Amino acid sequence: MGFWHSELVESSWSTLQQLKNRYEFILVGGWAVYLYTKALKSKDIDIIVDYSVLEALGREFPLRKNMRLRKYELALGGVEIDIYVPFFSRLGIPVEEVAAHVTTLEGFRVPKPEILLILKQAAELERVGSVKGFKDRLDVLALLIHVDIDWDNYKALVKKYSLNSYRDRLVEIVEAAGREFEELGIRNPRRIKQIKRRILAEFSSRLNG
């Protein structure tokens, strides 16, 4: 199963491993979703670092500061790396909040599932209609299918940061999903209906309370 070209994916994963061996960071984006779900790999790398790590990266590599998107950018061997930092970057919820809710998977520090879900929703809303936006929807669905979400924490976070529309958007993504299931390797119509029914029932009981 794959969404991007395999050579890009393998190069990205190799670069990510090299970064892990040298720098402290929180992994977000598609690779973080993959560690939870094993559904779809990524071609880009998205990380959160503190300013000391950002400085170290800047001494070794040519960083670009993207003021419009509130991030730093780096290209290594054709792999695009987006770097987010506290009090500057915007990910839907503050970077500092993300950093307060992390766990470890396969040696990587990653956000807790409900945090990662919100980050993926923020990305999807910014990229609706694009190929990357479609990949964001795949990642959202993969999290909903394969991972236990702490819905109480999710509700508290979307309320805290005035993201209440995110709950309705989750319903829209699930109800409209068609090709997304095929990309995730789920092609049996009966199973798709069962998954949709289960997720939507969970939303009804947990998100509307």
N, C-alpha and C. Protein backbone atom coordinates (compact mmCIF):
# COMPACT_ATOMS: atom_id res chain seq x y z
N MET A 1 0.84 -1.19 0.00
CA MET A 1 0.00 0.00 0.00
C MET A 1 0.89 1.25 0.00
N GLY A 2 0.62 2.22 -0.87
CA GLY A 2 1.42 3.42 -0.88
C GLY A 2 0.70 4.54 -1.59
N PHE A 3 0.99 5.76 -1.18
CA PHE A 3 0.35 6.92 -1.80
C PHE A 3 1.36 7.68 -2.63
N TRP A 4 2.60 7.79 -2.13
CA TRP A 4 3.66 8.48 -2.85
C TRP A 4 4.59 7.45 -3.50
N HIS A 5 5.44 7.93 -4.40
CA HIS A 5 6.41 7.06 -5.05
C HIS A 5 7.34 6.44 -4.01
N SER A 6 7.59 5.14 -4.16
CA SER A 6 8.32 4.40 -3.13
C SER A 6 9.73 4.94 -2.89
N GLU A 7 10.40 5.42 -3.94
CA GLU A 7 11.75 5.94 -3.75
C GLU A 7 11.74 7.20 -2.88
N LEU A 8 10.74 8.06 -3.09
CA LEU A 8 10.61 9.26 -2.26
C LEU A 8 10.35 8.88 -0.81
N VAL A 9 9.49 7.90 -0.62
CA VAL A 9 9.13 7.46 0.73
C VAL A 9 10.34 6.89 1.45
N GLU A 10 11.09 6.03 0.79
CA GLU A 10 12.24 5.40 1.43
C GLU A 10 13.33 6.43 1.73
N SER A 11 13.52 7.39 0.84
CA SER A 11 14.48 8.45 1.08
C SER A 11 14.06 9.30 2.29
N SER A 12 12.77 9.58 2.38
CA SER A 12 12.24 10.36 3.49
C SER A 12 12.44 9.63 4.81
N TRP A 13 12.13 8.33 4.82
CA TRP A 13 12.27 7.54 6.05
C TRP A 13 13.74 7.47 6.49
N SER A 14 14.64 7.29 5.53
CA SER A 14 16.07 7.25 5.83
C SER A 14 16.54 8.58 6.42
N THR A 15 16.09 9.67 5.82
CA THR A 15 16.46 11.00 6.34
C THR A 15 15.92 11.21 7.73
N LEU A 16 14.69 10.76 7.97
CA LEU A 16 14.08 10.90 9.28
C LEU A 16 14.87 10.13 10.34
N GLN A 17 15.32 8.94 10.01
CA GLN A 17 16.11 8.15 10.95
C GLN A 17 17.43 8.86 11.27
N GLN A 18 18.04 9.44 10.27
CA GLN A 18 19.30 10.17 10.49
C GLN A 18 19.07 11.36 11.41
N LEU A 19 17.98 12.08 11.20
CA LEU A 19 17.68 13.22 12.07
C LEU A 19 17.45 12.77 13.50
N LYS A 20 16.73 11.66 13.66
CA LYS A 20 16.44 11.15 15.00
C LYS A 20 17.70 10.84 15.78
N ASN A 21 18.71 10.36 15.09
CA ASN A 21 19.96 9.99 15.75
C ASN A 21 20.79 11.19 16.16
N ARG A 22 20.42 12.37 15.68
CA ARG A 22 21.26 13.55 15.94
C ARG A 22 20.56 14.69 16.65
N TYR A 23 19.23 14.75 16.56
CA TYR A 23 18.51 15.90 17.09
C TYR A 23 17.30 15.47 17.90
N GLU A 24 16.92 16.33 18.84
CA GLU A 24 15.69 16.12 19.62
C GLU A 24 14.55 16.84 18.92
N PHE A 25 13.46 16.13 18.68
CA PHE A 25 12.30 16.77 18.06
C PHE A 25 11.04 15.97 18.36
N ILE A 26 9.91 16.60 18.11
CA ILE A 26 8.61 15.92 18.14
C ILE A 26 8.18 15.72 16.69
N LEU A 27 7.90 14.49 16.34
CA LEU A 27 7.49 14.17 14.97
C LEU A 27 5.99 14.36 14.83
N VAL A 28 5.58 15.16 13.84
CA VAL A 28 4.16 15.36 13.55
C VAL A 28 3.93 15.00 12.09
N GLY A 29 2.75 15.30 11.56
CA GLY A 29 2.48 15.05 10.15
C GLY A 29 2.28 13.58 9.82
N GLY A 30 2.46 13.27 8.54
CA GLY A 30 2.15 11.94 8.03
C GLY A 30 2.97 10.82 8.64
N TRP A 31 4.23 11.07 8.92
CA TRP A 31 5.05 10.01 9.52
C TRP A 31 4.59 9.68 10.93
N ALA A 32 4.14 10.66 11.68
CA ALA A 32 3.61 10.39 13.02
C ALA A 32 2.35 9.53 12.91
N VAL A 33 1.48 9.85 11.95
CA VAL A 33 0.27 9.05 11.73
C VAL A 33 0.66 7.61 11.36
N TYR A 34 1.67 7.48 10.52
CA TYR A 34 2.11 6.14 10.13
C TYR A 34 2.58 5.31 11.32
N LEU A 35 3.30 5.93 12.25
CA LEU A 35 3.77 5.19 13.42
C LEU A 35 2.60 4.64 14.24
N TYR A 36 1.50 5.38 14.28
CA TYR A 36 0.31 4.92 15.00
C TYR A 36 -0.47 3.86 14.22
N THR A 37 -0.58 4.04 12.91
CA THR A 37 -1.55 3.26 12.12
C THR A 37 -0.94 2.22 11.20
N LYS A 38 0.30 2.44 10.78
CA LYS A 38 0.96 1.61 9.77
C LYS A 38 0.15 1.57 8.47
N ALA A 39 -0.59 2.62 8.21
CA ALA A 39 -1.47 2.65 7.04
C ALA A 39 -0.76 3.22 5.81
N LEU A 40 -0.37 4.48 5.87
CA LEU A 40 0.26 5.12 4.72
C LEU A 40 1.52 5.85 5.16
N LYS A 41 2.57 5.66 4.39
CA LYS A 41 3.83 6.35 4.68
C LYS A 41 3.78 7.77 4.12
N SER A 42 4.83 8.54 4.37
CA SER A 42 4.86 9.94 3.96
C SER A 42 6.07 10.20 3.09
N LYS A 43 6.08 11.32 2.42
CA LYS A 43 7.27 11.72 1.66
C LYS A 43 7.92 12.96 2.25
N ASP A 44 7.16 13.73 3.01
CA ASP A 44 7.69 14.92 3.67
C ASP A 44 7.88 14.63 5.16
N ILE A 45 8.69 15.44 5.79
CA ILE A 45 8.95 15.31 7.22
C ILE A 45 8.49 16.58 7.91
N ASP A 46 7.75 16.43 8.99
CA ASP A 46 7.27 17.57 9.78
C ASP A 46 7.70 17.37 11.22
N ILE A 47 8.45 18.33 11.75
CA ILE A 47 8.95 18.20 13.12
C ILE A 47 8.78 19.50 13.89
N ILE A 48 8.67 19.33 15.20
CA ILE A 48 8.67 20.46 16.13
C ILE A 48 9.99 20.42 16.89
N VAL A 49 10.68 21.56 16.97
CA VAL A 49 11.94 21.62 17.71
C VAL A 49 11.93 22.85 18.62
N ASP A 50 12.79 22.86 19.61
CA ASP A 50 12.98 24.07 20.39
C ASP A 50 14.04 24.93 19.70
N TYR A 51 14.27 26.12 20.23
CA TYR A 51 15.14 27.05 19.52
C TYR A 51 16.61 26.65 19.54
N SER A 52 17.02 25.90 20.55
CA SER A 52 18.42 25.43 20.57
C SER A 52 18.66 24.44 19.44
N VAL A 53 17.69 23.56 19.19
CA VAL A 53 17.82 22.61 18.09
C VAL A 53 17.72 23.34 16.75
N LEU A 54 16.83 24.31 16.66
CA LEU A 54 16.73 25.10 15.44
C LEU A 54 18.07 25.77 15.12
N GLU A 55 18.72 26.30 16.15
CA GLU A 55 20.02 26.94 15.95
C GLU A 55 21.05 25.93 15.48
N ALA A 56 21.04 24.73 16.06
CA ALA A 56 21.97 23.69 15.64
C ALA A 56 21.74 23.28 14.20
N LEU A 57 20.48 23.14 13.82
CA LEU A 57 20.15 22.80 12.44
C LEU A 57 20.62 23.90 11.49
N GLY A 58 20.43 25.15 11.92
CA GLY A 58 20.82 26.27 11.08
C GLY A 58 22.32 26.39 10.88
N ARG A 59 23.09 25.88 11.85
CA ARG A 59 24.55 25.90 11.69
C ARG A 59 25.02 24.87 10.67
N GLU A 60 24.23 23.82 10.50
CA GLU A 60 24.65 22.73 9.61
C GLU A 60 23.97 22.77 8.25
N PHE A 61 22.74 23.27 8.20
CA PHE A 61 21.99 23.22 6.96
C PHE A 61 21.44 24.61 6.60
N PRO A 62 21.15 24.84 5.31
CA PRO A 62 20.59 26.13 4.88
C PRO A 62 19.08 26.20 5.15
N LEU A 63 18.70 26.70 6.31
CA LEU A 63 17.29 26.82 6.66
C LEU A 63 16.66 28.02 5.96
N ARG A 64 15.40 27.87 5.59
CA ARG A 64 14.63 28.98 5.05
C ARG A 64 13.50 29.31 6.03
N LYS A 65 13.32 30.58 6.31
CA LYS A 65 12.23 31.00 7.19
C LYS A 65 11.04 31.41 6.34
N ASN A 66 9.91 30.75 6.54
CA ASN A 66 8.70 31.03 5.78
C ASN A 66 7.76 31.82 6.69
N MET A 67 7.76 33.12 6.55
CA MET A 67 6.95 33.97 7.43
C MET A 67 5.46 33.76 7.19
N ARG A 68 5.06 33.55 5.94
CA ARG A 68 3.64 33.41 5.62
C ARG A 68 3.05 32.18 6.28
N LEU A 69 3.79 31.06 6.24
CA LEU A 69 3.29 29.81 6.80
C LEU A 69 3.83 29.54 8.21
N ARG A 70 4.59 30.48 8.74
CA ARG A 70 5.04 30.39 10.13
C ARG A 70 5.83 29.12 10.42
N LYS A 71 6.83 28.86 9.59
CA LYS A 71 7.64 27.67 9.80
C LYS A 71 9.01 27.89 9.16
N TYR A 72 9.91 26.98 9.46
CA TYR A 72 11.21 26.94 8.79
C TYR A 72 11.21 25.75 7.84
N GLU A 73 11.99 25.86 6.77
CA GLU A 73 12.00 24.81 5.76
C GLU A 73 13.43 24.40 5.44
N LEU A 74 13.56 23.12 5.12
CA LEU A 74 14.87 22.56 4.82
C LEU A 74 14.68 21.44 3.81
N ALA A 75 15.57 21.36 2.83
CA ALA A 75 15.55 20.27 1.86
C ALA A 75 16.84 19.49 1.98
N LEU A 76 16.70 18.18 2.22
CA LEU A 76 17.87 17.30 2.32
C LEU A 76 17.71 16.15 1.33
N GLY A 77 18.55 16.15 0.31
CA GLY A 77 18.50 15.07 -0.67
C GLY A 77 17.15 14.91 -1.33
N GLY A 78 16.47 16.01 -1.58
CA GLY A 78 15.16 15.96 -2.21
C GLY A 78 14.00 15.77 -1.26
N VAL A 79 14.29 15.61 0.04
CA VAL A 79 13.25 15.44 1.04
C VAL A 79 12.93 16.80 1.66
N GLU A 80 11.66 17.18 1.63
CA GLU A 80 11.23 18.45 2.21
C GLU A 80 10.96 18.27 3.70
N ILE A 81 11.55 19.13 4.50
CA ILE A 81 11.38 19.08 5.95
C ILE A 81 10.80 20.40 6.41
N ASP A 82 9.65 20.34 7.07
CA ASP A 82 9.02 21.52 7.66
C ASP A 82 9.29 21.50 9.15
N ILE A 83 9.77 22.63 9.67
CA ILE A 83 10.21 22.72 11.06
C ILE A 83 9.38 23.78 11.77
N TYR A 84 8.74 23.38 12.87
CA TYR A 84 7.86 24.27 13.62
C TYR A 84 8.47 24.54 15.00
N VAL A 85 8.28 25.76 15.47
CA VAL A 85 8.88 26.16 16.74
C VAL A 85 7.84 26.86 17.62
N PRO A 86 8.05 26.84 18.94
CA PRO A 86 7.09 27.49 19.85
C PRO A 86 6.99 29.00 19.62
N PHE A 87 5.80 29.52 19.90
CA PHE A 87 5.52 30.96 19.90
C PHE A 87 5.68 31.61 18.53
N PHE A 88 5.79 30.81 17.49
CA PHE A 88 5.90 31.35 16.13
C PHE A 88 5.00 30.58 15.17
N SER A 89 5.11 29.26 15.21
CA SER A 89 4.37 28.43 14.27
C SER A 89 2.91 28.28 14.66
N ARG A 90 2.08 28.04 13.66
CA ARG A 90 0.64 27.84 13.86
C ARG A 90 0.24 26.49 13.29
N LEU A 91 -0.25 25.64 14.14
CA LEU A 91 -0.61 24.29 13.72
C LEU A 91 -2.06 23.95 14.04
N GLY A 92 -2.87 24.95 14.26
CA GLY A 92 -4.24 24.72 14.71
C GLY A 92 -4.34 24.92 16.21
N ILE A 93 -3.41 24.32 16.93
CA ILE A 93 -3.26 24.57 18.36
C ILE A 93 -1.79 24.94 18.59
N PRO A 94 -1.48 25.67 19.66
CA PRO A 94 -0.11 26.12 19.86
C PRO A 94 0.90 24.98 19.96
N VAL A 95 2.08 25.23 19.44
CA VAL A 95 3.16 24.25 19.52
C VAL A 95 3.43 23.87 20.97
N GLU A 96 3.31 24.84 21.88
CA GLU A 96 3.56 24.57 23.29
C GLU A 96 2.55 23.56 23.84
N GLU A 97 1.33 23.61 23.36
CA GLU A 97 0.30 22.65 23.78
C GLU A 97 0.64 21.26 23.25
N VAL A 98 1.07 21.20 22.02
CA VAL A 98 1.46 19.92 21.44
C VAL A 98 2.58 19.30 22.26
N ALA A 99 3.57 20.11 22.60
CA ALA A 99 4.73 19.61 23.35
C ALA A 99 4.37 19.09 24.73
N ALA A 100 3.22 19.53 25.25
CA ALA A 100 2.79 19.10 26.59
C ALA A 100 2.04 17.77 26.55
N HIS A 101 1.77 17.25 25.36
CA HIS A 101 0.99 16.01 25.22
C HIS A 101 1.69 15.08 24.24
N VAL A 102 2.78 14.49 24.66
CA VAL A 102 3.54 13.61 23.77
C VAL A 102 3.71 12.23 24.38
N THR A 103 3.98 11.28 23.50
CA THR A 103 4.32 9.93 23.91
C THR A 103 5.46 9.47 23.01
N THR A 104 5.92 8.25 23.20
CA THR A 104 7.04 7.73 22.39
C THR A 104 6.61 6.48 21.64
N LEU A 105 6.87 6.46 20.34
CA LEU A 105 6.59 5.30 19.49
C LEU A 105 7.83 5.00 18.66
N GLU A 106 8.31 3.79 18.77
CA GLU A 106 9.46 3.35 17.99
C GLU A 106 10.63 4.32 18.08
N GLY A 107 10.83 4.87 19.26
CA GLY A 107 11.95 5.78 19.49
C GLY A 107 11.70 7.22 19.10
N PHE A 108 10.52 7.51 18.56
CA PHE A 108 10.17 8.88 18.17
C PHE A 108 9.21 9.49 19.20
N ARG A 109 9.41 10.75 19.52
CA ARG A 109 8.43 11.49 20.31
C ARG A 109 7.36 11.98 19.37
N VAL A 110 6.11 11.64 19.67
CA VAL A 110 4.98 12.01 18.81
C VAL A 110 3.84 12.55 19.69
N PRO A 111 2.95 13.35 19.12
CA PRO A 111 1.81 13.85 19.90
C PRO A 111 0.86 12.71 20.27
N LYS A 112 0.13 12.89 21.36
CA LYS A 112 -0.94 11.96 21.68
C LYS A 112 -1.95 11.95 20.51
N PRO A 113 -2.69 10.85 20.34
CA PRO A 113 -3.54 10.70 19.14
C PRO A 113 -4.51 11.85 18.90
N GLU A 114 -5.20 12.30 19.97
CA GLU A 114 -6.19 13.36 19.76
C GLU A 114 -5.53 14.68 19.34
N ILE A 115 -4.30 14.93 19.82
CA ILE A 115 -3.55 16.11 19.40
C ILE A 115 -3.19 15.97 17.92
N LEU A 116 -2.67 14.80 17.56
CA LEU A 116 -2.29 14.58 16.17
C LEU A 116 -3.49 14.68 15.24
N LEU A 117 -4.64 14.20 15.68
CA LEU A 117 -5.86 14.32 14.88
C LEU A 117 -6.20 15.78 14.61
N ILE A 118 -6.11 16.61 15.62
CA ILE A 118 -6.39 18.04 15.45
C ILE A 118 -5.39 18.68 14.49
N LEU A 119 -4.12 18.33 14.63
CA LEU A 119 -3.10 18.88 13.73
C LEU A 119 -3.39 18.48 12.28
N LYS A 120 -3.79 17.22 12.09
CA LYS A 120 -4.10 16.76 10.74
C LYS A 120 -5.34 17.46 10.19
N GLN A 121 -6.31 17.71 11.05
CA GLN A 121 -7.50 18.44 10.60
C GLN A 121 -7.14 19.86 10.19
N ALA A 122 -6.28 20.50 10.96
CA ALA A 122 -5.86 21.86 10.61
C ALA A 122 -5.19 21.88 9.25
N ALA A 123 -4.33 20.91 9.00
CA ALA A 123 -3.66 20.83 7.70
C ALA A 123 -4.66 20.58 6.58
N GLU A 124 -5.61 19.67 6.83
CA GLU A 124 -6.61 19.33 5.81
C GLU A 124 -7.45 20.54 5.44
N LEU A 125 -7.84 21.32 6.42
CA LEU A 125 -8.67 22.49 6.15
C LEU A 125 -7.93 23.55 5.35
N GLU A 126 -6.62 23.61 5.52
CA GLU A 126 -5.81 24.58 4.76
C GLU A 126 -5.55 24.11 3.33
N ARG A 127 -5.68 22.79 3.09
CA ARG A 127 -5.27 22.25 1.80
C ARG A 127 -6.40 21.52 1.08
N VAL A 128 -7.64 21.87 1.41
CA VAL A 128 -8.80 21.26 0.76
C VAL A 128 -8.69 21.43 -0.76
N GLY A 129 -8.94 20.35 -1.49
CA GLY A 129 -8.90 20.43 -2.95
C GLY A 129 -7.56 20.12 -3.56
N SER A 130 -6.53 19.93 -2.73
CA SER A 130 -5.20 19.63 -3.23
C SER A 130 -4.86 18.16 -2.98
N VAL A 131 -3.80 17.68 -3.61
CA VAL A 131 -3.35 16.30 -3.39
C VAL A 131 -2.96 16.11 -1.93
N LYS A 132 -2.27 17.10 -1.37
CA LYS A 132 -1.86 16.99 0.03
C LYS A 132 -3.08 17.01 0.96
N GLY A 133 -4.10 17.76 0.59
CA GLY A 133 -5.33 17.78 1.37
C GLY A 133 -6.01 16.42 1.37
N PHE A 134 -5.96 15.74 0.23
CA PHE A 134 -6.51 14.38 0.15
C PHE A 134 -5.71 13.44 1.05
N LYS A 135 -4.38 13.58 1.03
CA LYS A 135 -3.55 12.75 1.92
C LYS A 135 -3.87 13.05 3.38
N ASP A 136 -4.15 14.31 3.71
CA ASP A 136 -4.55 14.65 5.08
C ASP A 136 -5.82 13.92 5.47
N ARG A 137 -6.79 13.84 4.56
CA ARG A 137 -8.03 13.12 4.86
C ARG A 137 -7.76 11.64 5.07
N LEU A 138 -6.86 11.08 4.28
CA LEU A 138 -6.48 9.68 4.47
C LEU A 138 -5.90 9.47 5.87
N ASP A 139 -5.05 10.39 6.30
CA ASP A 139 -4.44 10.27 7.62
C ASP A 139 -5.48 10.42 8.73
N VAL A 140 -6.42 11.34 8.54
CA VAL A 140 -7.50 11.50 9.52
C VAL A 140 -8.29 10.20 9.64
N LEU A 141 -8.67 9.65 8.50
CA LEU A 141 -9.43 8.39 8.51
C LEU A 141 -8.63 7.25 9.13
N ALA A 142 -7.35 7.18 8.81
CA ALA A 142 -6.51 6.12 9.37
C ALA A 142 -6.48 6.20 10.89
N LEU A 143 -6.38 7.41 11.43
CA LEU A 143 -6.40 7.58 12.88
C LEU A 143 -7.74 7.14 13.46
N LEU A 144 -8.82 7.52 12.81
CA LEU A 144 -10.16 7.17 13.30
C LEU A 144 -10.40 5.66 13.25
N ILE A 145 -9.83 5.00 12.26
CA ILE A 145 -10.04 3.56 12.09
C ILE A 145 -9.16 2.74 13.04
N HIS A 146 -7.92 3.15 13.21
CA HIS A 146 -6.93 2.29 13.86
C HIS A 146 -6.54 2.68 15.28
N VAL A 147 -6.91 3.87 15.73
CA VAL A 147 -6.36 4.38 16.99
C VAL A 147 -7.49 4.77 17.95
N ASP A 148 -7.29 4.51 19.22
CA ASP A 148 -8.24 4.95 20.25
C ASP A 148 -7.99 6.43 20.56
N ILE A 149 -8.98 7.24 20.30
CA ILE A 149 -8.88 8.68 20.55
C ILE A 149 -9.50 9.00 21.91
N ASP A 150 -8.84 9.82 22.67
CA ASP A 150 -9.41 10.32 23.93
C ASP A 150 -10.36 11.46 23.58
N TRP A 151 -11.63 11.13 23.38
CA TRP A 151 -12.58 12.13 22.89
C TRP A 151 -12.85 13.23 23.91
N ASP A 152 -12.74 12.94 25.18
CA ASP A 152 -12.91 13.99 26.19
C ASP A 152 -11.81 15.04 26.04
N ASN A 153 -10.59 14.58 25.84
CA ASN A 153 -9.48 15.51 25.65
C ASN A 153 -9.63 16.26 24.33
N TYR A 154 -10.06 15.55 23.29
CA TYR A 154 -10.30 16.19 21.99
C TYR A 154 -11.31 17.31 22.13
N LYS A 155 -12.43 17.01 22.78
CA LYS A 155 -13.49 18.03 22.95
C LYS A 155 -12.97 19.22 23.74
N ALA A 156 -12.19 18.95 24.79
CA ALA A 156 -11.66 20.04 25.61
C ALA A 156 -10.72 20.93 24.80
N LEU A 157 -9.92 20.33 23.94
CA LEU A 157 -8.97 21.10 23.15
C LEU A 157 -9.67 21.93 22.08
N VAL A 158 -10.62 21.34 21.36
CA VAL A 158 -11.30 22.12 20.32
C VAL A 158 -12.11 23.25 20.94
N LYS A 159 -12.62 23.03 22.15
CA LYS A 159 -13.33 24.11 22.84
C LYS A 159 -12.35 25.19 23.29
N LYS A 160 -11.24 24.78 23.87
CA LYS A 160 -10.24 25.73 24.37
C LYS A 160 -9.73 26.65 23.28
N TYR A 161 -9.54 26.10 22.07
CA TYR A 161 -8.97 26.89 20.99
C TYR A 161 -9.99 27.28 19.91
N SER A 162 -11.26 27.25 20.29
CA SER A 162 -12.35 27.70 19.41
C SER A 162 -12.32 27.00 18.05
N LEU A 163 -12.19 25.67 18.10
CA LEU A 163 -12.14 24.86 16.88
C LEU A 163 -13.36 23.94 16.79
N ASN A 164 -14.49 24.40 17.28
CA ASN A 164 -15.67 23.54 17.36
C ASN A 164 -16.13 23.02 15.99
N SER A 165 -15.80 23.76 14.92
CA SER A 165 -16.17 23.29 13.58
C SER A 165 -15.43 22.01 13.20
N TYR A 166 -14.36 21.71 13.91
CA TYR A 166 -13.60 20.50 13.60
C TYR A 166 -14.44 19.25 13.80
N ARG A 167 -15.33 19.28 14.77
CA ARG A 167 -16.17 18.10 15.02
C ARG A 167 -17.09 17.84 13.84
N ASP A 168 -17.70 18.90 13.30
CA ASP A 168 -18.56 18.72 12.13
C ASP A 168 -17.75 18.27 10.91
N ARG A 169 -16.53 18.78 10.80
CA ARG A 169 -15.68 18.40 9.67
C ARG A 169 -15.33 16.93 9.72
N LEU A 170 -15.12 16.39 10.92
CA LEU A 170 -14.85 14.95 11.04
C LEU A 170 -16.01 14.14 10.46
N VAL A 171 -17.23 14.54 10.79
CA VAL A 171 -18.41 13.84 10.28
C VAL A 171 -18.44 13.92 8.75
N GLU A 172 -18.17 15.10 8.21
CA GLU A 172 -18.17 15.28 6.75
C GLU A 172 -17.14 14.37 6.08
N ILE A 173 -15.95 14.29 6.66
CA ILE A 173 -14.89 13.47 6.07
C ILE A 173 -15.30 12.00 6.03
N VAL A 174 -15.87 11.52 7.13
CA VAL A 174 -16.27 10.11 7.20
C VAL A 174 -17.42 9.83 6.25
N GLU A 175 -18.43 10.67 6.26
CA GLU A 175 -19.61 10.44 5.42
C GLU A 175 -19.28 10.48 3.93
N ALA A 176 -18.37 11.37 3.55
CA ALA A 176 -18.06 11.55 2.13
C ALA A 176 -16.99 10.60 1.63
N ALA A 177 -16.33 9.89 2.52
CA ALA A 177 -15.19 9.06 2.13
C ALA A 177 -15.59 7.94 1.17
N GLY A 178 -14.88 7.83 0.08
CA GLY A 178 -15.09 6.77 -0.90
C GLY A 178 -13.75 6.26 -1.37
N ARG A 179 -13.14 7.04 -2.24
CA ARG A 179 -11.81 6.69 -2.74
C ARG A 179 -10.80 6.59 -1.59
N GLU A 180 -11.04 7.35 -0.53
CA GLU A 180 -10.12 7.32 0.61
C GLU A 180 -9.97 5.90 1.16
N PHE A 181 -11.07 5.19 1.26
CA PHE A 181 -11.00 3.82 1.78
C PHE A 181 -10.19 2.92 0.85
N GLU A 182 -10.36 3.13 -0.45
CA GLU A 182 -9.60 2.32 -1.40
C GLU A 182 -8.10 2.57 -1.23
N GLU A 183 -7.71 3.82 -1.06
CA GLU A 183 -6.29 4.15 -0.85
C GLU A 183 -5.77 3.53 0.44
N LEU A 184 -6.65 3.33 1.41
CA LEU A 184 -6.26 2.71 2.67
C LEU A 184 -6.32 1.18 2.61
N GLY A 185 -6.63 0.65 1.42
CA GLY A 185 -6.66 -0.80 1.25
C GLY A 185 -7.95 -1.45 1.71
N ILE A 186 -8.99 -0.66 1.90
CA ILE A 186 -10.29 -1.18 2.35
C ILE A 186 -11.27 -1.04 1.19
N ARG A 187 -11.62 -2.17 0.57
CA ARG A 187 -12.41 -2.12 -0.66
C ARG A 187 -13.75 -2.83 -0.56
N ASN A 188 -13.95 -3.59 0.48
CA ASN A 188 -15.20 -4.33 0.64
C ASN A 188 -16.31 -3.36 1.04
N PRO A 189 -17.35 -3.18 0.21
CA PRO A 189 -18.41 -2.21 0.51
C PRO A 189 -19.07 -2.44 1.87
N ARG A 190 -19.27 -3.69 2.22
CA ARG A 190 -19.90 -4.00 3.51
C ARG A 190 -19.02 -3.56 4.67
N ARG A 191 -17.73 -3.82 4.54
CA ARG A 191 -16.82 -3.41 5.61
C ARG A 191 -16.74 -1.89 5.72
N ILE A 192 -16.75 -1.22 4.56
CA ILE A 192 -16.72 0.24 4.57
C ILE A 192 -17.93 0.79 5.30
N LYS A 193 -19.12 0.24 5.01
CA LYS A 193 -20.33 0.68 5.70
C LYS A 193 -20.24 0.44 7.20
N GLN A 194 -19.69 -0.71 7.58
CA GLN A 194 -19.54 -1.03 9.00
C GLN A 194 -18.61 -0.05 9.70
N ILE A 195 -17.50 0.28 9.05
CA ILE A 195 -16.54 1.22 9.63
C ILE A 195 -17.17 2.60 9.77
N LYS A 196 -17.84 3.05 8.72
CA LYS A 196 -18.50 4.35 8.79
C LYS A 196 -19.53 4.39 9.91
N ARG A 197 -20.32 3.33 9.99
CA ARG A 197 -21.37 3.28 11.01
C ARG A 197 -20.76 3.31 12.41
N ARG A 198 -19.67 2.56 12.60
CA ARG A 198 -19.03 2.52 13.92
C ARG A 198 -18.47 3.89 14.31
N ILE A 199 -17.76 4.52 13.37
CA ILE A 199 -17.15 5.81 13.67
C ILE A 199 -18.21 6.87 13.94
N LEU A 200 -19.24 6.91 13.10
CA LEU A 200 -20.29 7.92 13.26
C LEU A 200 -21.07 7.70 14.55
N ALA A 201 -21.27 6.44 14.94
CA ALA A 201 -21.93 6.15 16.22
C ALA A 201 -21.07 6.63 17.38
N GLU A 202 -19.77 6.45 17.24
CA GLU A 202 -18.85 6.92 18.29
C GLU A 202 -18.89 8.43 18.39
N PHE A 203 -18.90 9.09 17.24
CA PHE A 203 -19.03 10.55 17.24
C PHE A 203 -20.30 10.97 17.98
N SER A 204 -21.42 10.31 17.65
CA SER A 204 -22.71 10.69 18.21
C SER A 204 -22.71 10.56 19.73
N SER A 205 -22.09 9.51 20.22
CA SER A 205 -22.11 9.27 21.66
C SER A 205 -21.05 10.05 22.43
N ARG A 206 -19.92 10.31 21.78
CA ARG A 206 -18.79 10.91 22.50
C ARG A 206 -18.59 12.39 22.22
N LEU A 207 -18.92 12.84 21.00
CA LEU A 207 -18.67 14.23 20.66
C LEU A 207 -19.85 15.15 20.91
N ASN A 208 -21.03 14.60 20.98
CA ASN A 208 -22.22 15.43 21.16
C ASN A 208 -22.73 15.48 22.59
N GLY A 209 -22.00 14.80 23.47
CA GLY A 209 -22.42 14.79 24.86
C GLY A 209 -22.05 16.05 25.61
